[in-house]
């Protein structure tokens, strides 16, 4: 792999920072700072990252982490999905997609109580996500909580009136 120029490295660091991948951004800024300690752009980039550190807990999960979890899920490696998603949830607790993946994996493992909590988190983090209500309804139905399940399905339908799966689920409960 060819070495990147200082400008290319700083540009990549800036992109990573904007995407919420602060670790990679910091790594790239530090590479430049180590070679060129007086580089103002690297110093400013690191300073900006340090200022945004308190916000790091609420940033979105990097896309490559989501893809890795989805690949494990598609390969049927649910235990690995749950382990990695739990670990990631400590850092990305406000990412509803992460909780959605965790809920689906727990459902596949038969851990309905854990799946229910994950889907509740999805709904709290993104109340307008119709799939979250539908999935929550499905888990509630599996637990025999039929009235709550119907309520969740109806919520999904209120968010997305043409949601055929939620409609079928609501009227087959």
N, C-alpha and C. Protein backbone atom coordinates (compact mmCIF):
# COMPACT_ATOMS: atom_id res chain seq x y z
N UNK A 1 0.84 -1.18 0.00
CA UNK A 1 0.00 0.00 0.00
C UNK A 1 0.89 1.24 0.00
N UNK A 2 0.60 2.16 -0.87
CA UNK A 2 1.40 3.37 -0.99
C UNK A 2 1.21 4.26 0.23
N UNK A 3 2.25 4.98 0.60
CA UNK A 3 2.17 5.90 1.72
C UNK A 3 1.33 7.10 1.31
N UNK A 4 0.57 7.60 2.25
CA UNK A 4 -0.25 8.77 2.01
C UNK A 4 0.56 10.03 2.27
N UNK A 5 0.24 11.09 1.55
CA UNK A 5 0.87 12.37 1.82
C UNK A 5 0.27 12.93 3.11
N UNK A 6 0.90 13.95 3.64
CA UNK A 6 0.39 14.59 4.85
C UNK A 6 -1.01 15.12 4.60
N UNK A 7 -1.22 15.77 3.46
CA UNK A 7 -2.54 16.32 3.14
C UNK A 7 -3.59 15.22 3.03
N UNK A 8 -3.23 14.10 2.40
CA UNK A 8 -4.17 12.99 2.27
C UNK A 8 -4.51 12.40 3.65
N UNK A 9 -3.50 12.28 4.47
CA UNK A 9 -3.72 11.73 5.81
C UNK A 9 -4.62 12.64 6.63
N UNK A 10 -4.37 13.94 6.57
CA UNK A 10 -5.21 14.89 7.30
C UNK A 10 -6.63 14.91 6.75
N UNK A 11 -6.77 14.79 5.45
CA UNK A 11 -8.11 14.74 4.84
C UNK A 11 -8.87 13.50 5.30
N UNK A 12 -8.20 12.38 5.34
CA UNK A 12 -8.84 11.15 5.80
C UNK A 12 -9.22 11.26 7.28
N UNK A 13 -8.35 11.86 8.06
CA UNK A 13 -8.65 12.04 9.48
C UNK A 13 -9.91 12.87 9.65
N UNK A 14 -10.02 13.92 8.86
CA UNK A 14 -11.19 14.79 8.94
C UNK A 14 -12.46 14.03 8.55
N UNK A 15 -12.39 13.20 7.53
CA UNK A 15 -13.54 12.40 7.10
C UNK A 15 -13.95 11.44 8.21
N UNK A 16 -12.97 10.76 8.80
CA UNK A 16 -13.27 9.82 9.88
C UNK A 16 -13.92 10.55 11.06
N UNK A 17 -13.44 11.75 11.37
CA UNK A 17 -14.02 12.51 12.47
C UNK A 17 -15.47 12.86 12.17
N UNK A 18 -15.76 13.27 10.96
CA UNK A 18 -17.13 13.63 10.58
C UNK A 18 -18.05 12.41 10.62
N UNK A 19 -17.51 11.23 10.32
CA UNK A 19 -18.31 10.00 10.33
C UNK A 19 -18.46 9.42 11.73
N UNK A 20 -17.83 10.05 12.71
CA UNK A 20 -17.95 9.57 14.08
C UNK A 20 -16.92 8.53 14.48
N UNK A 21 -16.00 8.21 13.57
CA UNK A 21 -14.95 7.24 13.88
C UNK A 21 -13.77 8.01 14.47
N UNK A 22 -13.94 8.42 15.72
CA UNK A 22 -12.96 9.30 16.36
C UNK A 22 -11.63 8.61 16.63
N UNK A 23 -11.66 7.32 16.88
CA UNK A 23 -10.41 6.60 17.13
C UNK A 23 -9.50 6.63 15.91
N UNK A 24 -10.06 6.36 14.75
CA UNK A 24 -9.25 6.37 13.52
C UNK A 24 -8.79 7.78 13.21
N UNK A 25 -9.67 8.76 13.40
CA UNK A 25 -9.28 10.15 13.16
C UNK A 25 -8.12 10.54 14.07
N UNK A 26 -8.24 10.18 15.34
CA UNK A 26 -7.17 10.50 16.28
C UNK A 26 -5.87 9.82 15.88
N UNK A 27 -5.96 8.56 15.48
CA UNK A 27 -4.77 7.82 15.05
C UNK A 27 -4.08 8.53 13.88
N UNK A 28 -4.86 8.95 12.90
CA UNK A 28 -4.28 9.61 11.72
C UNK A 28 -3.66 10.96 12.09
N UNK A 29 -4.36 11.75 12.92
CA UNK A 29 -3.80 13.03 13.35
C UNK A 29 -2.50 12.81 14.13
N UNK A 30 -2.46 11.78 14.95
CA UNK A 30 -1.25 11.50 15.73
C UNK A 30 -0.09 11.06 14.84
N UNK A 31 -0.39 10.30 13.78
CA UNK A 31 0.67 9.92 12.84
C UNK A 31 1.35 11.16 12.26
N UNK A 32 0.53 12.12 11.86
CA UNK A 32 1.09 13.35 11.29
C UNK A 32 1.86 14.11 12.36
N UNK A 33 1.29 14.21 13.56
CA UNK A 33 1.95 14.94 14.64
C UNK A 33 3.29 14.33 15.04
N UNK A 34 3.38 13.02 14.99
CA UNK A 34 4.64 12.37 15.34
C UNK A 34 5.73 12.71 14.32
N UNK A 35 5.37 12.74 13.06
CA UNK A 35 6.36 13.04 12.01
C UNK A 35 6.61 14.53 11.87
N UNK A 36 5.55 15.30 12.10
CA UNK A 36 5.63 16.75 11.93
C UNK A 36 5.00 17.42 13.14
N UNK A 37 5.74 17.50 14.27
CA UNK A 37 5.18 18.00 15.53
C UNK A 37 4.62 19.42 15.48
N UNK A 38 5.03 20.22 14.51
CA UNK A 38 4.54 21.60 14.44
C UNK A 38 3.42 21.78 13.42
N UNK A 39 2.90 20.68 12.88
CA UNK A 39 1.83 20.76 11.89
C UNK A 39 0.55 21.28 12.56
N UNK A 40 0.15 22.48 12.16
CA UNK A 40 -1.00 23.16 12.79
C UNK A 40 -2.31 22.41 12.54
N UNK A 41 -2.49 21.88 11.35
CA UNK A 41 -3.75 21.18 11.03
C UNK A 41 -3.90 19.92 11.89
N UNK A 42 -2.81 19.21 12.11
CA UNK A 42 -2.86 18.02 12.96
C UNK A 42 -3.16 18.42 14.41
N UNK A 43 -2.51 19.49 14.87
CA UNK A 43 -2.75 19.97 16.23
C UNK A 43 -4.20 20.41 16.41
N UNK A 44 -4.72 21.14 15.42
CA UNK A 44 -6.11 21.60 15.49
C UNK A 44 -7.08 20.43 15.45
N UNK A 45 -6.78 19.45 14.62
CA UNK A 45 -7.64 18.26 14.53
C UNK A 45 -7.69 17.51 15.85
N UNK A 46 -6.53 17.30 16.47
CA UNK A 46 -6.50 16.63 17.77
C UNK A 46 -7.23 17.44 18.83
N UNK A 47 -7.04 18.76 18.80
CA UNK A 47 -7.72 19.62 19.77
C UNK A 47 -9.24 19.52 19.59
N UNK A 48 -9.70 19.52 18.33
CA UNK A 48 -11.14 19.41 18.07
C UNK A 48 -11.68 18.07 18.56
N UNK A 49 -10.93 17.02 18.37
CA UNK A 49 -11.36 15.70 18.86
C UNK A 49 -11.45 15.69 20.37
N UNK A 50 -10.50 16.31 21.03
CA UNK A 50 -10.51 16.35 22.50
C UNK A 50 -11.70 17.15 23.02
N UNK A 51 -12.08 18.21 22.31
CA UNK A 51 -13.24 19.01 22.70
C UNK A 51 -14.52 18.21 22.54
N UNK A 52 -14.59 17.35 21.54
CA UNK A 52 -15.82 16.60 21.28
C UNK A 52 -15.89 15.29 22.05
N UNK A 53 -14.89 14.99 22.86
CA UNK A 53 -14.83 13.72 23.59
C UNK A 53 -16.07 13.44 24.43
N UNK A 54 -16.65 14.42 25.17
CA UNK A 54 -17.84 14.09 25.96
C UNK A 54 -19.02 13.64 25.10
N UNK A 55 -19.05 14.03 23.84
CA UNK A 55 -20.14 13.64 22.96
C UNK A 55 -19.93 12.26 22.37
N UNK A 56 -18.77 11.67 22.59
CA UNK A 56 -18.43 10.40 21.95
C UNK A 56 -19.41 9.29 22.30
N UNK A 57 -19.97 9.29 23.51
CA UNK A 57 -20.86 8.21 23.92
C UNK A 57 -22.15 8.20 23.12
N UNK A 58 -22.55 9.34 22.54
CA UNK A 58 -23.81 9.38 21.83
C UNK A 58 -23.64 9.35 20.31
N UNK A 59 -22.43 9.13 19.84
CA UNK A 59 -22.22 9.11 18.40
C UNK A 59 -22.72 7.80 17.80
N UNK A 60 -22.84 7.80 16.50
CA UNK A 60 -23.33 6.63 15.80
C UNK A 60 -22.23 5.58 15.64
N UNK A 61 -22.67 4.36 15.63
CA UNK A 61 -21.78 3.23 15.40
C UNK A 61 -21.22 3.33 13.99
N UNK A 62 -19.90 3.19 13.82
CA UNK A 62 -19.32 3.25 12.47
C UNK A 62 -19.92 2.18 11.56
N UNK A 63 -20.09 2.54 10.31
CA UNK A 63 -20.73 1.66 9.33
C UNK A 63 -20.02 0.32 9.21
N UNK A 64 -18.70 0.31 9.30
CA UNK A 64 -18.00 -0.98 9.17
C UNK A 64 -18.29 -1.90 10.35
N UNK A 65 -18.56 -1.35 11.53
CA UNK A 65 -18.95 -2.17 12.67
C UNK A 65 -20.34 -2.77 12.46
N UNK A 66 -21.24 -1.97 11.90
CA UNK A 66 -22.58 -2.47 11.58
C UNK A 66 -22.47 -3.60 10.56
N UNK A 67 -21.69 -3.38 9.54
CA UNK A 67 -21.52 -4.41 8.51
C UNK A 67 -20.93 -5.69 9.08
N UNK A 68 -19.98 -5.57 9.99
CA UNK A 68 -19.38 -6.75 10.61
C UNK A 68 -20.44 -7.52 11.41
N UNK A 69 -21.26 -6.81 12.17
CA UNK A 69 -22.32 -7.47 12.93
C UNK A 69 -23.32 -8.15 12.00
N UNK A 70 -23.68 -7.46 10.91
CA UNK A 70 -24.63 -8.04 9.97
C UNK A 70 -24.06 -9.27 9.27
N UNK A 71 -22.77 -9.24 8.97
CA UNK A 71 -22.14 -10.42 8.36
C UNK A 71 -22.18 -11.61 9.31
N UNK A 72 -21.87 -11.37 10.58
CA UNK A 72 -21.94 -12.44 11.58
C UNK A 72 -23.38 -12.96 11.70
N UNK A 73 -24.33 -12.04 11.69
CA UNK A 73 -25.74 -12.42 11.78
C UNK A 73 -26.13 -13.30 10.59
N UNK A 74 -25.76 -12.86 9.40
CA UNK A 74 -26.09 -13.61 8.19
C UNK A 74 -25.41 -14.96 8.12
N UNK A 75 -24.29 -15.10 8.83
CA UNK A 75 -23.59 -16.38 8.90
C UNK A 75 -24.14 -17.27 10.02
N UNK A 76 -25.14 -16.77 10.74
CA UNK A 76 -25.75 -17.54 11.81
C UNK A 76 -24.96 -17.56 13.10
N UNK A 77 -24.01 -16.66 13.25
CA UNK A 77 -23.17 -16.61 14.45
C UNK A 77 -23.77 -15.67 15.49
N UNK A 78 -24.94 -16.04 15.99
CA UNK A 78 -25.71 -15.17 16.87
C UNK A 78 -25.00 -14.89 18.20
N UNK A 79 -24.33 -15.88 18.74
CA UNK A 79 -23.62 -15.67 20.00
C UNK A 79 -22.54 -14.60 19.83
N UNK A 80 -21.83 -14.65 18.73
CA UNK A 80 -20.81 -13.63 18.46
C UNK A 80 -21.44 -12.26 18.25
N UNK A 81 -22.58 -12.24 17.57
CA UNK A 81 -23.28 -10.97 17.37
C UNK A 81 -23.64 -10.37 18.72
N UNK A 82 -24.24 -11.17 19.59
CA UNK A 82 -24.66 -10.67 20.90
C UNK A 82 -23.46 -10.19 21.72
N UNK A 83 -22.40 -10.97 21.73
CA UNK A 83 -21.21 -10.58 22.50
C UNK A 83 -20.64 -9.26 22.01
N UNK A 84 -20.47 -9.14 20.69
CA UNK A 84 -19.89 -7.91 20.13
C UNK A 84 -20.84 -6.73 20.28
N UNK A 85 -22.12 -6.96 20.07
CA UNK A 85 -23.10 -5.87 20.18
C UNK A 85 -23.19 -5.36 21.61
N UNK A 86 -23.14 -6.26 22.58
CA UNK A 86 -23.15 -5.82 23.99
C UNK A 86 -21.93 -4.96 24.29
N UNK A 87 -20.80 -5.40 23.81
CA UNK A 87 -19.57 -4.63 24.03
C UNK A 87 -19.67 -3.24 23.37
N UNK A 88 -20.16 -3.21 22.14
CA UNK A 88 -20.30 -1.94 21.43
C UNK A 88 -21.36 -1.05 22.08
N UNK A 89 -22.38 -1.66 22.68
CA UNK A 89 -23.46 -0.86 23.27
C UNK A 89 -22.98 -0.03 24.45
N UNK A 90 -21.87 -0.43 25.07
CA UNK A 90 -21.32 0.37 26.16
C UNK A 90 -20.80 1.71 25.64
N UNK A 91 -20.34 1.71 24.41
CA UNK A 91 -19.77 2.93 23.83
C UNK A 91 -20.78 3.68 22.95
N UNK A 92 -21.66 2.93 22.30
CA UNK A 92 -22.61 3.51 21.36
C UNK A 92 -24.04 3.26 21.83
N UNK A 93 -24.31 3.62 23.07
CA UNK A 93 -25.59 3.30 23.68
C UNK A 93 -26.78 4.01 23.03
N UNK A 94 -26.53 5.05 22.26
CA UNK A 94 -27.61 5.80 21.62
C UNK A 94 -27.83 5.41 20.16
N UNK A 95 -27.25 4.32 19.73
CA UNK A 95 -27.39 3.91 18.34
C UNK A 95 -28.49 2.85 18.21
N UNK A 96 -29.65 3.25 17.69
CA UNK A 96 -30.78 2.34 17.63
C UNK A 96 -30.54 1.16 16.70
N UNK A 97 -29.71 1.33 15.67
CA UNK A 97 -29.42 0.23 14.76
C UNK A 97 -28.69 -0.89 15.50
N UNK A 98 -27.78 -0.52 16.35
CA UNK A 98 -27.05 -1.51 17.16
C UNK A 98 -28.03 -2.30 18.03
N UNK A 99 -28.96 -1.60 18.69
CA UNK A 99 -29.93 -2.28 19.55
C UNK A 99 -30.85 -3.17 18.71
N UNK A 100 -31.16 -2.74 17.51
CA UNK A 100 -32.01 -3.53 16.62
C UNK A 100 -31.33 -4.86 16.26
N UNK A 101 -30.05 -4.78 15.93
CA UNK A 101 -29.28 -5.99 15.61
C UNK A 101 -29.19 -6.90 16.84
N UNK A 102 -28.94 -6.29 18.00
CA UNK A 102 -28.86 -7.06 19.24
C UNK A 102 -30.19 -7.75 19.54
N UNK A 103 -31.29 -7.05 19.33
CA UNK A 103 -32.60 -7.64 19.56
C UNK A 103 -32.86 -8.82 18.64
N UNK A 104 -32.52 -8.66 17.37
CA UNK A 104 -32.75 -9.73 16.40
C UNK A 104 -31.90 -10.96 16.74
N UNK A 105 -30.65 -10.75 17.13
CA UNK A 105 -29.78 -11.87 17.46
C UNK A 105 -30.28 -12.59 18.72
N UNK A 106 -30.70 -11.81 19.73
CA UNK A 106 -31.24 -12.43 20.94
C UNK A 106 -32.51 -13.21 20.64
N UNK A 107 -33.33 -12.69 19.73
CA UNK A 107 -34.54 -13.42 19.33
C UNK A 107 -34.17 -14.76 18.72
N UNK A 108 -33.17 -14.76 17.85
CA UNK A 108 -32.74 -16.00 17.21
C UNK A 108 -32.19 -17.01 18.21
N UNK A 109 -31.62 -16.50 19.29
CA UNK A 109 -31.07 -17.38 20.34
C UNK A 109 -32.15 -17.82 21.34
N UNK A 110 -33.36 -17.32 21.15
CA UNK A 110 -34.45 -17.67 22.06
C UNK A 110 -34.44 -16.87 23.34
N UNK A 111 -33.66 -15.82 23.39
CA UNK A 111 -33.59 -14.97 24.59
C UNK A 111 -34.59 -13.82 24.43
N UNK A 112 -35.86 -14.17 24.64
CA UNK A 112 -36.91 -13.20 24.34
C UNK A 112 -36.91 -12.00 25.28
N UNK A 113 -36.57 -12.20 26.54
CA UNK A 113 -36.54 -11.07 27.47
C UNK A 113 -35.44 -10.08 27.06
N UNK A 114 -34.28 -10.59 26.68
CA UNK A 114 -33.20 -9.71 26.22
C UNK A 114 -33.57 -9.04 24.91
N UNK A 115 -34.24 -9.78 24.02
CA UNK A 115 -34.68 -9.20 22.75
C UNK A 115 -35.70 -8.10 23.00
N UNK A 116 -36.62 -8.36 23.92
CA UNK A 116 -37.64 -7.34 24.26
C UNK A 116 -36.97 -6.06 24.72
N UNK A 117 -36.00 -6.17 25.64
CA UNK A 117 -35.34 -4.97 26.14
C UNK A 117 -34.60 -4.23 25.03
N UNK A 118 -33.96 -4.98 24.15
CA UNK A 118 -33.26 -4.34 23.03
C UNK A 118 -34.24 -3.58 22.14
N UNK A 119 -35.39 -4.19 21.85
CA UNK A 119 -36.37 -3.51 20.99
C UNK A 119 -37.05 -2.34 21.71
N UNK A 120 -37.17 -2.43 23.02
CA UNK A 120 -37.65 -1.26 23.78
C UNK A 120 -36.66 -0.12 23.63
N UNK A 121 -35.36 -0.43 23.70
CA UNK A 121 -34.33 0.59 23.50
C UNK A 121 -34.44 1.19 22.09
N UNK A 122 -34.68 0.35 21.10
CA UNK A 122 -34.85 0.84 19.72
C UNK A 122 -35.97 1.86 19.69
N UNK A 123 -37.12 1.52 20.28
CA UNK A 123 -38.28 2.42 20.27
C UNK A 123 -38.01 3.71 21.03
N UNK A 124 -37.28 3.63 22.14
CA UNK A 124 -36.97 4.84 22.90
C UNK A 124 -36.03 5.75 22.12
N UNK A 125 -35.07 5.15 21.42
CA UNK A 125 -34.08 5.94 20.69
C UNK A 125 -34.62 6.48 19.37
N UNK A 126 -35.54 5.73 18.74
CA UNK A 126 -36.10 6.17 17.47
C UNK A 126 -37.59 5.81 17.43
N UNK A 127 -38.43 6.62 18.07
CA UNK A 127 -39.85 6.29 18.17
C UNK A 127 -40.57 6.26 16.82
N UNK A 128 -39.98 6.81 15.79
CA UNK A 128 -40.62 6.82 14.47
C UNK A 128 -40.20 5.66 13.58
N UNK A 129 -39.47 4.71 14.12
CA UNK A 129 -38.99 3.56 13.37
C UNK A 129 -40.04 2.45 13.47
N UNK A 130 -40.83 2.31 12.43
CA UNK A 130 -41.95 1.36 12.42
C UNK A 130 -41.49 -0.08 12.63
N UNK A 131 -40.35 -0.43 12.06
CA UNK A 131 -39.85 -1.80 12.22
C UNK A 131 -39.59 -2.12 13.69
N UNK A 132 -39.11 -1.14 14.44
CA UNK A 132 -38.85 -1.35 15.86
C UNK A 132 -40.12 -1.74 16.60
N UNK A 133 -41.22 -1.05 16.30
CA UNK A 133 -42.50 -1.40 16.94
C UNK A 133 -42.97 -2.77 16.50
N UNK A 134 -42.81 -3.09 15.23
CA UNK A 134 -43.22 -4.40 14.72
C UNK A 134 -42.42 -5.52 15.38
N UNK A 135 -41.10 -5.34 15.46
CA UNK A 135 -40.25 -6.37 16.07
C UNK A 135 -40.58 -6.53 17.56
N UNK A 136 -40.82 -5.40 18.23
CA UNK A 136 -41.19 -5.47 19.63
C UNK A 136 -42.50 -6.25 19.78
N UNK A 137 -43.45 -5.98 18.89
CA UNK A 137 -44.72 -6.70 18.93
C UNK A 137 -44.52 -8.20 18.76
N UNK A 138 -43.65 -8.57 17.85
CA UNK A 138 -43.39 -9.98 17.59
C UNK A 138 -42.84 -10.67 18.84
N UNK A 139 -41.90 -10.01 19.52
CA UNK A 139 -41.31 -10.57 20.73
C UNK A 139 -42.34 -10.64 21.85
N UNK A 140 -43.15 -9.61 21.99
CA UNK A 140 -44.19 -9.61 23.01
C UNK A 140 -45.18 -10.75 22.77
N UNK A 141 -45.52 -10.96 21.51
CA UNK A 141 -46.44 -12.06 21.16
C UNK A 141 -45.82 -13.40 21.56
N UNK A 142 -44.52 -13.59 21.27
CA UNK A 142 -43.85 -14.83 21.64
C UNK A 142 -43.87 -15.07 23.15
N UNK A 143 -43.90 -14.00 23.92
CA UNK A 143 -43.92 -14.11 25.37
C UNK A 143 -45.34 -14.23 25.93
N UNK A 144 -46.31 -14.21 25.03
CA UNK A 144 -47.70 -14.32 25.47
C UNK A 144 -48.31 -13.01 25.94
N UNK A 145 -47.64 -11.92 25.70
CA UNK A 145 -48.14 -10.59 26.08
C UNK A 145 -48.94 -10.02 24.90
N UNK A 146 -50.10 -10.62 24.66
CA UNK A 146 -50.84 -10.35 23.43
C UNK A 146 -51.37 -8.92 23.33
N UNK A 147 -51.90 -8.39 24.41
CA UNK A 147 -52.44 -7.02 24.36
C UNK A 147 -51.32 -6.02 24.06
N UNK A 148 -50.17 -6.22 24.70
CA UNK A 148 -49.03 -5.33 24.44
C UNK A 148 -48.53 -5.50 23.01
N UNK A 149 -48.54 -6.74 22.52
CA UNK A 149 -48.10 -7.01 21.15
C UNK A 149 -48.99 -6.28 20.14
N UNK A 150 -50.29 -6.37 20.33
CA UNK A 150 -51.22 -5.68 19.43
C UNK A 150 -50.97 -4.18 19.48
N UNK A 151 -50.72 -3.64 20.66
CA UNK A 151 -50.41 -2.21 20.79
C UNK A 151 -49.16 -1.83 20.00
N UNK A 152 -48.15 -2.68 20.07
CA UNK A 152 -46.91 -2.41 19.33
C UNK A 152 -47.15 -2.47 17.82
N UNK A 153 -47.94 -3.47 17.39
CA UNK A 153 -48.25 -3.57 15.95
C UNK A 153 -49.05 -2.36 15.48
N UNK A 154 -49.99 -1.93 16.30
CA UNK A 154 -50.79 -0.75 15.93
C UNK A 154 -49.92 0.50 15.85
N UNK A 155 -48.94 0.58 16.74
CA UNK A 155 -48.00 1.71 16.69
C UNK A 155 -47.23 1.68 15.37
N UNK A 156 -46.78 0.49 14.97
CA UNK A 156 -46.06 0.35 13.70
C UNK A 156 -46.95 0.80 12.55
N UNK A 157 -48.22 0.42 12.59
CA UNK A 157 -49.15 0.81 11.53
C UNK A 157 -49.46 2.30 11.55
N UNK A 158 -49.47 2.91 12.71
CA UNK A 158 -49.70 4.36 12.77
C UNK A 158 -48.51 5.11 12.16
N UNK A 159 -47.33 4.52 12.28
CA UNK A 159 -46.12 5.14 11.71
C UNK A 159 -46.00 4.87 10.22
N UNK A 160 -46.49 3.71 9.80
CA UNK A 160 -46.35 3.28 8.41
C UNK A 160 -47.63 2.51 8.03
N UNK A 161 -48.68 3.23 7.62
CA UNK A 161 -49.98 2.62 7.39
C UNK A 161 -50.00 1.49 6.36
N UNK A 162 -49.06 1.46 5.46
CA UNK A 162 -49.04 0.40 4.44
C UNK A 162 -48.10 -0.75 4.81
N UNK A 163 -47.79 -0.89 6.08
CA UNK A 163 -46.86 -1.90 6.57
C UNK A 163 -47.59 -3.25 6.65
N UNK A 164 -47.50 -4.02 5.59
CA UNK A 164 -48.26 -5.27 5.47
C UNK A 164 -47.91 -6.26 6.58
N UNK A 165 -46.64 -6.41 6.89
CA UNK A 165 -46.23 -7.38 7.91
C UNK A 165 -46.83 -7.02 9.27
N UNK A 166 -46.80 -5.74 9.63
CA UNK A 166 -47.36 -5.33 10.91
C UNK A 166 -48.88 -5.53 10.91
N UNK A 167 -49.52 -5.29 9.79
CA UNK A 167 -50.96 -5.50 9.66
C UNK A 167 -51.28 -6.98 9.87
N UNK A 168 -50.56 -7.85 9.19
CA UNK A 168 -50.77 -9.29 9.36
C UNK A 168 -50.52 -9.72 10.79
N UNK A 169 -49.46 -9.21 11.39
CA UNK A 169 -49.13 -9.57 12.77
C UNK A 169 -50.23 -9.11 13.73
N UNK A 170 -50.71 -7.89 13.53
CA UNK A 170 -51.73 -7.33 14.44
C UNK A 170 -53.02 -8.13 14.38
N UNK A 171 -53.39 -8.60 13.21
CA UNK A 171 -54.69 -9.27 13.08
C UNK A 171 -54.59 -10.78 13.14
N UNK A 172 -53.38 -11.29 13.36
CA UNK A 172 -53.25 -12.74 13.56
C UNK A 172 -52.95 -13.05 15.03
N UNK A 173 -52.90 -12.01 15.84
CA UNK A 173 -52.58 -12.18 17.27
C UNK A 173 -53.81 -12.55 18.05
